[in-house]
Amino acid sequence: MGLFDSIAGQVAGALAGQGGAQGSGLLQAVMGLINSPQVGGIQGLVAAFQNNGLGDVVQSWIGTGQNLPISPEQINAVLGSEQIGKVAQQLGLSSQETSSELSTLLPQVIDTLSPSGEVPQGDALQSAMGLLSSFLK
């Protein structure tokens, strides 16, 4: 998993540049969001983006090419104000700041969790998320 280690390290490094503790809190919040029963894992998250007309955007994060950008407003539309509010409360940020941070981090996390261009399933997903979480410690 050398390539995955490298990519996860890049995400962790980018978070460190966002303010260390806040960055790691944001990554923990994203991981919690992905694991949330309301979201339904990465597959549920992908479906939510597709259902909101953003299938091409989320597919770019999963694929091996360039990640397409997403706006904070689009993040809010996909996740909903309730989910954004929960994450914002965890982080001590406003909903607007949280949507902005998620619009930067979520593409990186999804990209990192799908290094081969496919959404990992079952044990592979748990292993990948565990490895990414290990960079928080």
N, C-alpha and C. Protein backbone atom coordinates (compact mmCIF):
# COMPACT_ATOMS: atom_id res chain seq x y z
N MET A 1 0.81 -1.19 0.00
CA MET A 1 0.00 0.00 0.00
C MET A 1 0.86 1.26 0.00
N GLY A 2 2.03 1.22 -0.58
CA GLY A 2 2.94 2.35 -0.58
C GLY A 2 2.34 3.60 -1.21
N LEU A 3 1.67 3.44 -2.33
CA LEU A 3 1.05 4.59 -3.00
C LEU A 3 -0.03 5.19 -2.11
N PHE A 4 -0.84 4.33 -1.49
CA PHE A 4 -1.89 4.84 -0.62
C PHE A 4 -1.29 5.59 0.56
N ASP A 5 -0.22 5.04 1.15
CA ASP A 5 0.46 5.73 2.26
C ASP A 5 0.89 7.12 1.83
N SER A 6 1.44 7.21 0.62
CA SER A 6 1.91 8.49 0.11
C SER A 6 0.76 9.48 -0.05
N ILE A 7 -0.33 9.01 -0.62
CA ILE A 7 -1.48 9.88 -0.85
C ILE A 7 -2.09 10.31 0.48
N ALA A 8 -2.24 9.36 1.39
CA ALA A 8 -2.81 9.69 2.71
C ALA A 8 -1.91 10.68 3.43
N GLY A 9 -0.62 10.53 3.26
CA GLY A 9 0.32 11.47 3.86
C GLY A 9 0.15 12.86 3.29
N GLN A 10 -0.13 12.94 1.98
CA GLN A 10 -0.36 14.24 1.35
C GLN A 10 -1.60 14.91 1.91
N VAL A 11 -2.66 14.14 2.10
CA VAL A 11 -3.89 14.70 2.67
C VAL A 11 -3.61 15.18 4.09
N ALA A 12 -2.92 14.34 4.87
CA ALA A 12 -2.59 14.73 6.25
C ALA A 12 -1.71 15.98 6.26
N GLY A 13 -0.77 16.07 5.33
CA GLY A 13 0.09 17.25 5.24
C GLY A 13 -0.69 18.49 4.88
N ALA A 14 -1.64 18.34 3.97
CA ALA A 14 -2.48 19.48 3.59
C ALA A 14 -3.30 19.95 4.79
N LEU A 15 -3.76 18.99 5.58
CA LEU A 15 -4.52 19.35 6.77
C LEU A 15 -3.66 20.05 7.80
N ALA A 16 -2.43 19.61 7.93
CA ALA A 16 -1.53 20.26 8.88
C ALA A 16 -1.34 21.72 8.50
N GLY A 17 -1.34 22.00 7.20
CA GLY A 17 -1.23 23.37 6.72
C GLY A 17 -2.47 24.19 7.02
N GLN A 18 -3.58 23.51 7.33
CA GLN A 18 -4.83 24.21 7.64
C GLN A 18 -4.96 24.50 9.13
N GLY A 19 -3.94 24.22 9.87
CA GLY A 19 -4.03 24.57 11.29
C GLY A 19 -3.99 23.38 12.21
N GLY A 20 -3.34 22.32 11.83
CA GLY A 20 -3.08 21.20 12.71
C GLY A 20 -4.30 20.59 13.35
N ALA A 21 -4.62 21.01 14.56
CA ALA A 21 -5.72 20.41 15.31
C ALA A 21 -7.05 20.59 14.59
N GLN A 22 -7.28 21.79 14.03
CA GLN A 22 -8.53 22.00 13.31
C GLN A 22 -8.56 21.12 12.07
N GLY A 23 -7.42 21.00 11.38
CA GLY A 23 -7.36 20.16 10.19
C GLY A 23 -7.62 18.71 10.51
N SER A 24 -7.02 18.21 11.60
CA SER A 24 -7.25 16.82 11.94
C SER A 24 -8.68 16.62 12.43
N GLY A 25 -9.25 17.62 13.11
CA GLY A 25 -10.65 17.55 13.51
C GLY A 25 -11.56 17.50 12.30
N LEU A 26 -11.21 18.24 11.28
CA LEU A 26 -11.98 18.24 10.05
C LEU A 26 -11.92 16.88 9.37
N LEU A 27 -10.73 16.29 9.32
CA LEU A 27 -10.60 14.96 8.72
C LEU A 27 -11.39 13.94 9.52
N GLN A 28 -11.33 14.01 10.84
CA GLN A 28 -12.12 13.10 11.67
C GLN A 28 -13.61 13.29 11.40
N ALA A 29 -14.04 14.52 11.24
CA ALA A 29 -15.45 14.80 10.95
C ALA A 29 -15.85 14.22 9.60
N VAL A 30 -14.97 14.34 8.61
CA VAL A 30 -15.26 13.78 7.28
C VAL A 30 -15.35 12.26 7.36
N MET A 31 -14.42 11.64 8.09
CA MET A 31 -14.46 10.19 8.23
C MET A 31 -15.74 9.76 8.95
N GLY A 32 -16.13 10.52 9.97
CA GLY A 32 -17.38 10.23 10.67
C GLY A 32 -18.59 10.40 9.76
N LEU A 33 -18.53 11.41 8.91
CA LEU A 33 -19.60 11.66 7.95
C LEU A 33 -19.73 10.49 6.98
N ILE A 34 -18.59 10.02 6.47
CA ILE A 34 -18.61 8.89 5.54
C ILE A 34 -19.16 7.64 6.22
N ASN A 35 -18.82 7.44 7.49
CA ASN A 35 -19.28 6.26 8.23
C ASN A 35 -20.69 6.40 8.78
N SER A 36 -21.27 7.58 8.67
CA SER A 36 -22.60 7.84 9.22
C SER A 36 -23.67 6.97 8.55
N PRO A 37 -24.54 6.36 9.36
CA PRO A 37 -25.63 5.56 8.77
C PRO A 37 -26.53 6.39 7.85
N GLN A 38 -26.68 7.70 8.15
CA GLN A 38 -27.52 8.54 7.29
C GLN A 38 -26.91 8.72 5.91
N VAL A 39 -25.58 8.70 5.83
CA VAL A 39 -24.90 8.90 4.55
C VAL A 39 -24.80 7.58 3.79
N GLY A 40 -24.50 6.50 4.48
CA GLY A 40 -24.43 5.20 3.83
C GLY A 40 -23.07 4.88 3.23
N GLY A 41 -22.02 5.38 3.85
CA GLY A 41 -20.67 5.09 3.37
C GLY A 41 -20.35 5.86 2.10
N ILE A 42 -19.24 5.47 1.49
CA ILE A 42 -18.84 6.16 0.26
C ILE A 42 -19.88 5.95 -0.83
N GLN A 43 -20.44 4.73 -0.90
CA GLN A 43 -21.45 4.47 -1.93
C GLN A 43 -22.65 5.39 -1.78
N GLY A 44 -23.09 5.60 -0.54
CA GLY A 44 -24.21 6.50 -0.28
C GLY A 44 -23.87 7.94 -0.61
N LEU A 45 -22.63 8.32 -0.30
CA LEU A 45 -22.18 9.68 -0.59
C LEU A 45 -22.13 9.90 -2.10
N VAL A 46 -21.60 8.92 -2.82
CA VAL A 46 -21.54 9.01 -4.29
C VAL A 46 -22.96 9.13 -4.85
N ALA A 47 -23.88 8.32 -4.34
CA ALA A 47 -25.27 8.38 -4.81
C ALA A 47 -25.89 9.75 -4.54
N ALA A 48 -25.58 10.33 -3.38
CA ALA A 48 -26.12 11.66 -3.06
C ALA A 48 -25.63 12.71 -4.05
N PHE A 49 -24.35 12.63 -4.41
CA PHE A 49 -23.83 13.58 -5.39
C PHE A 49 -24.49 13.35 -6.75
N GLN A 50 -24.65 12.08 -7.14
CA GLN A 50 -25.28 11.78 -8.42
C GLN A 50 -26.73 12.27 -8.44
N ASN A 51 -27.44 12.07 -7.34
CA ASN A 51 -28.84 12.50 -7.26
C ASN A 51 -29.00 14.02 -7.29
N ASN A 52 -27.93 14.73 -7.01
CA ASN A 52 -27.96 16.20 -7.06
C ASN A 52 -27.30 16.75 -8.32
N GLY A 53 -27.16 15.90 -9.34
CA GLY A 53 -26.62 16.35 -10.62
C GLY A 53 -25.12 16.56 -10.63
N LEU A 54 -24.42 15.98 -9.65
CA LEU A 54 -22.97 16.18 -9.54
C LEU A 54 -22.20 14.86 -9.72
N GLY A 55 -22.80 13.96 -10.48
CA GLY A 55 -22.16 12.66 -10.72
C GLY A 55 -20.81 12.79 -11.39
N ASP A 56 -20.69 13.71 -12.35
CA ASP A 56 -19.40 13.89 -13.04
C ASP A 56 -18.33 14.41 -12.09
N VAL A 57 -18.73 15.25 -11.14
CA VAL A 57 -17.78 15.80 -10.18
C VAL A 57 -17.26 14.70 -9.27
N VAL A 58 -18.18 13.94 -8.65
CA VAL A 58 -17.74 12.89 -7.72
C VAL A 58 -16.98 11.79 -8.46
N GLN A 59 -17.36 11.51 -9.70
CA GLN A 59 -16.62 10.50 -10.47
C GLN A 59 -15.19 10.95 -10.74
N SER A 60 -14.97 12.26 -10.87
CA SER A 60 -13.61 12.76 -11.08
C SER A 60 -12.75 12.53 -9.84
N TRP A 61 -13.36 12.56 -8.67
CA TRP A 61 -12.61 12.31 -7.43
C TRP A 61 -12.25 10.84 -7.31
N ILE A 62 -13.16 9.97 -7.77
CA ILE A 62 -12.94 8.53 -7.70
C ILE A 62 -11.93 8.10 -8.76
N GLY A 63 -12.05 8.66 -9.96
CA GLY A 63 -11.17 8.30 -11.07
C GLY A 63 -9.73 8.70 -10.81
N THR A 64 -8.89 8.35 -11.76
CA THR A 64 -7.45 8.60 -11.60
C THR A 64 -7.00 9.92 -12.21
N GLY A 65 -7.91 10.67 -12.79
CA GLY A 65 -7.54 11.95 -13.40
C GLY A 65 -7.66 13.11 -12.44
N GLN A 66 -7.75 14.30 -13.02
CA GLN A 66 -7.86 15.55 -12.26
C GLN A 66 -9.19 15.61 -11.51
N ASN A 67 -9.16 16.05 -10.26
CA ASN A 67 -10.39 16.24 -9.47
C ASN A 67 -11.07 17.54 -9.88
N LEU A 68 -12.36 17.45 -10.20
CA LEU A 68 -13.14 18.65 -10.49
C LEU A 68 -13.47 19.35 -9.17
N PRO A 69 -13.53 20.68 -9.19
CA PRO A 69 -13.85 21.41 -7.95
C PRO A 69 -15.34 21.34 -7.63
N ILE A 70 -15.63 21.62 -6.38
CA ILE A 70 -17.02 21.71 -5.93
C ILE A 70 -17.13 22.94 -5.04
N SER A 71 -18.25 23.62 -5.14
CA SER A 71 -18.43 24.84 -4.34
C SER A 71 -19.01 24.50 -2.97
N PRO A 72 -18.82 25.39 -2.01
CA PRO A 72 -19.45 25.19 -0.70
C PRO A 72 -20.98 25.06 -0.81
N GLU A 73 -21.58 25.80 -1.73
CA GLU A 73 -23.03 25.74 -1.91
C GLU A 73 -23.46 24.35 -2.40
N GLN A 74 -22.65 23.76 -3.31
CA GLN A 74 -22.97 22.42 -3.80
C GLN A 74 -22.82 21.38 -2.69
N ILE A 75 -21.79 21.54 -1.86
CA ILE A 75 -21.60 20.64 -0.71
C ILE A 75 -22.82 20.72 0.19
N ASN A 76 -23.28 21.93 0.45
CA ASN A 76 -24.45 22.13 1.31
C ASN A 76 -25.70 21.50 0.70
N ALA A 77 -25.85 21.61 -0.62
CA ALA A 77 -27.01 21.04 -1.29
C ALA A 77 -27.01 19.51 -1.19
N VAL A 78 -25.83 18.91 -1.32
CA VAL A 78 -25.73 17.44 -1.29
C VAL A 78 -25.88 16.91 0.14
N LEU A 79 -25.17 17.48 1.08
CA LEU A 79 -25.16 16.95 2.44
C LEU A 79 -26.33 17.45 3.28
N GLY A 80 -26.86 18.61 2.93
CA GLY A 80 -27.97 19.17 3.68
C GLY A 80 -27.51 19.98 4.88
N SER A 81 -28.32 20.94 5.24
CA SER A 81 -27.93 21.85 6.32
C SER A 81 -27.82 21.14 7.67
N GLU A 82 -28.59 20.08 7.87
CA GLU A 82 -28.52 19.35 9.15
C GLU A 82 -27.15 18.68 9.32
N GLN A 83 -26.69 17.97 8.29
CA GLN A 83 -25.37 17.32 8.36
C GLN A 83 -24.26 18.35 8.49
N ILE A 84 -24.35 19.42 7.71
CA ILE A 84 -23.33 20.48 7.78
C ILE A 84 -23.32 21.08 9.18
N GLY A 85 -24.50 21.30 9.74
CA GLY A 85 -24.61 21.86 11.08
C GLY A 85 -23.98 20.97 12.14
N LYS A 86 -24.15 19.65 12.01
CA LYS A 86 -23.54 18.72 12.96
C LYS A 86 -22.02 18.80 12.90
N VAL A 87 -21.49 18.80 11.68
CA VAL A 87 -20.04 18.88 11.52
C VAL A 87 -19.53 20.22 12.03
N ALA A 88 -20.26 21.29 11.72
CA ALA A 88 -19.86 22.63 12.17
C ALA A 88 -19.81 22.69 13.70
N GLN A 89 -20.79 22.09 14.34
CA GLN A 89 -20.83 22.09 15.80
C GLN A 89 -19.63 21.32 16.37
N GLN A 90 -19.29 20.17 15.76
CA GLN A 90 -18.13 19.40 16.21
C GLN A 90 -16.85 20.22 16.13
N LEU A 91 -16.75 21.02 15.07
CA LEU A 91 -15.51 21.76 14.81
C LEU A 91 -15.49 23.15 15.43
N GLY A 92 -16.64 23.63 15.88
CA GLY A 92 -16.69 24.98 16.40
C GLY A 92 -16.59 26.03 15.31
N LEU A 93 -17.10 25.69 14.12
CA LEU A 93 -17.09 26.60 12.98
C LEU A 93 -18.52 26.96 12.61
N SER A 94 -18.66 27.98 11.79
CA SER A 94 -19.98 28.28 11.23
C SER A 94 -20.29 27.27 10.13
N SER A 95 -21.55 27.16 9.78
CA SER A 95 -21.95 26.26 8.70
C SER A 95 -21.28 26.66 7.39
N GLN A 96 -21.17 27.97 7.15
CA GLN A 96 -20.54 28.46 5.92
C GLN A 96 -19.06 28.06 5.88
N GLU A 97 -18.35 28.24 7.00
CA GLU A 97 -16.93 27.85 7.05
C GLU A 97 -16.78 26.34 6.85
N THR A 98 -17.68 25.59 7.45
CA THR A 98 -17.63 24.13 7.34
C THR A 98 -17.83 23.69 5.90
N SER A 99 -18.83 24.25 5.22
CA SER A 99 -19.07 23.90 3.82
C SER A 99 -17.85 24.24 2.97
N SER A 100 -17.23 25.36 3.26
CA SER A 100 -16.03 25.77 2.52
C SER A 100 -14.89 24.78 2.74
N GLU A 101 -14.66 24.41 4.00
CA GLU A 101 -13.59 23.45 4.31
C GLU A 101 -13.87 22.09 3.67
N LEU A 102 -15.14 21.65 3.74
CA LEU A 102 -15.50 20.37 3.15
C LEU A 102 -15.34 20.37 1.64
N SER A 103 -15.58 21.51 1.00
CA SER A 103 -15.44 21.58 -0.46
C SER A 103 -13.98 21.40 -0.88
N THR A 104 -13.07 21.68 0.02
CA THR A 104 -11.64 21.46 -0.25
C THR A 104 -11.21 20.06 0.13
N LEU A 105 -11.65 19.59 1.30
CA LEU A 105 -11.16 18.32 1.83
C LEU A 105 -11.85 17.10 1.25
N LEU A 106 -13.16 17.14 1.08
CA LEU A 106 -13.90 15.96 0.64
C LEU A 106 -13.37 15.38 -0.67
N PRO A 107 -13.09 16.20 -1.69
CA PRO A 107 -12.51 15.62 -2.91
C PRO A 107 -11.19 14.88 -2.65
N GLN A 108 -10.35 15.43 -1.76
CA GLN A 108 -9.07 14.78 -1.45
C GLN A 108 -9.28 13.45 -0.75
N VAL A 109 -10.22 13.42 0.19
CA VAL A 109 -10.47 12.18 0.94
C VAL A 109 -11.04 11.11 0.02
N ILE A 110 -12.04 11.45 -0.78
CA ILE A 110 -12.63 10.47 -1.71
C ILE A 110 -11.57 9.99 -2.69
N ASP A 111 -10.75 10.89 -3.20
CA ASP A 111 -9.67 10.53 -4.11
C ASP A 111 -8.70 9.58 -3.42
N THR A 112 -8.35 9.87 -2.17
CA THR A 112 -7.41 9.04 -1.42
C THR A 112 -7.98 7.65 -1.14
N LEU A 113 -9.27 7.59 -0.87
CA LEU A 113 -9.90 6.31 -0.57
C LEU A 113 -10.17 5.47 -1.82
N SER A 114 -9.94 6.03 -2.99
CA SER A 114 -10.17 5.29 -4.24
C SER A 114 -8.97 5.41 -5.18
N PRO A 115 -7.76 5.01 -4.72
CA PRO A 115 -6.55 5.22 -5.52
C PRO A 115 -6.52 4.46 -6.84
N SER A 116 -7.29 3.36 -6.94
CA SER A 116 -7.28 2.59 -8.18
C SER A 116 -8.38 3.03 -9.14
N GLY A 117 -9.10 4.09 -8.78
CA GLY A 117 -10.16 4.57 -9.65
C GLY A 117 -11.49 3.90 -9.41
N GLU A 118 -11.59 3.13 -8.32
CA GLU A 118 -12.84 2.46 -7.96
C GLU A 118 -13.12 2.69 -6.49
N VAL A 119 -14.40 2.74 -6.14
CA VAL A 119 -14.79 2.88 -4.74
C VAL A 119 -14.50 1.55 -4.05
N PRO A 120 -13.69 1.57 -2.99
CA PRO A 120 -13.40 0.32 -2.29
C PRO A 120 -14.65 -0.22 -1.59
N GLN A 121 -14.71 -1.53 -1.46
CA GLN A 121 -15.85 -2.18 -0.83
C GLN A 121 -15.40 -2.91 0.43
N GLY A 122 -16.28 -3.05 1.39
CA GLY A 122 -16.07 -3.89 2.56
C GLY A 122 -14.76 -3.70 3.29
N ASP A 123 -13.99 -4.81 3.38
CA ASP A 123 -12.73 -4.80 4.12
C ASP A 123 -11.72 -3.82 3.54
N ALA A 124 -11.71 -3.69 2.22
CA ALA A 124 -10.76 -2.77 1.59
C ALA A 124 -11.06 -1.33 2.01
N LEU A 125 -12.34 -0.99 2.10
CA LEU A 125 -12.73 0.35 2.53
C LEU A 125 -12.33 0.57 3.99
N GLN A 126 -12.62 -0.40 4.85
CA GLN A 126 -12.27 -0.26 6.26
C GLN A 126 -10.76 -0.12 6.43
N SER A 127 -10.01 -0.90 5.67
CA SER A 127 -8.55 -0.83 5.74
C SER A 127 -8.06 0.55 5.31
N ALA A 128 -8.60 1.05 4.21
CA ALA A 128 -8.19 2.36 3.70
C ALA A 128 -8.55 3.47 4.69
N MET A 129 -9.74 3.40 5.25
CA MET A 129 -10.15 4.43 6.21
C MET A 129 -9.32 4.35 7.49
N GLY A 130 -8.99 3.13 7.91
CA GLY A 130 -8.15 2.96 9.08
C GLY A 130 -6.78 3.55 8.87
N LEU A 131 -6.22 3.34 7.68
CA LEU A 131 -4.90 3.88 7.38
C LEU A 131 -4.95 5.41 7.35
N LEU A 132 -5.97 5.96 6.72
CA LEU A 132 -6.09 7.42 6.68
C LEU A 132 -6.27 7.98 8.08
N SER A 133 -7.05 7.31 8.90
CA SER A 133 -7.25 7.76 10.28
C SER A 133 -5.97 7.69 11.09
N SER A 134 -5.09 6.75 10.76
CA SER A 134 -3.84 6.61 11.52
C SER A 134 -2.96 7.85 11.38
N PHE A 135 -3.14 8.60 10.32
CA PHE A 135 -2.36 9.82 10.13
C PHE A 135 -2.80 10.94 11.07
N LEU A 136 -3.93 10.73 11.75
CA LEU A 136 -4.44 11.73 12.68
C LEU A 136 -3.79 11.62 14.05
N LYS A 137 -3.13 10.50 14.31
CA LYS A 137 -2.59 10.24 15.64
C LYS A 137 -1.17 10.69 15.79
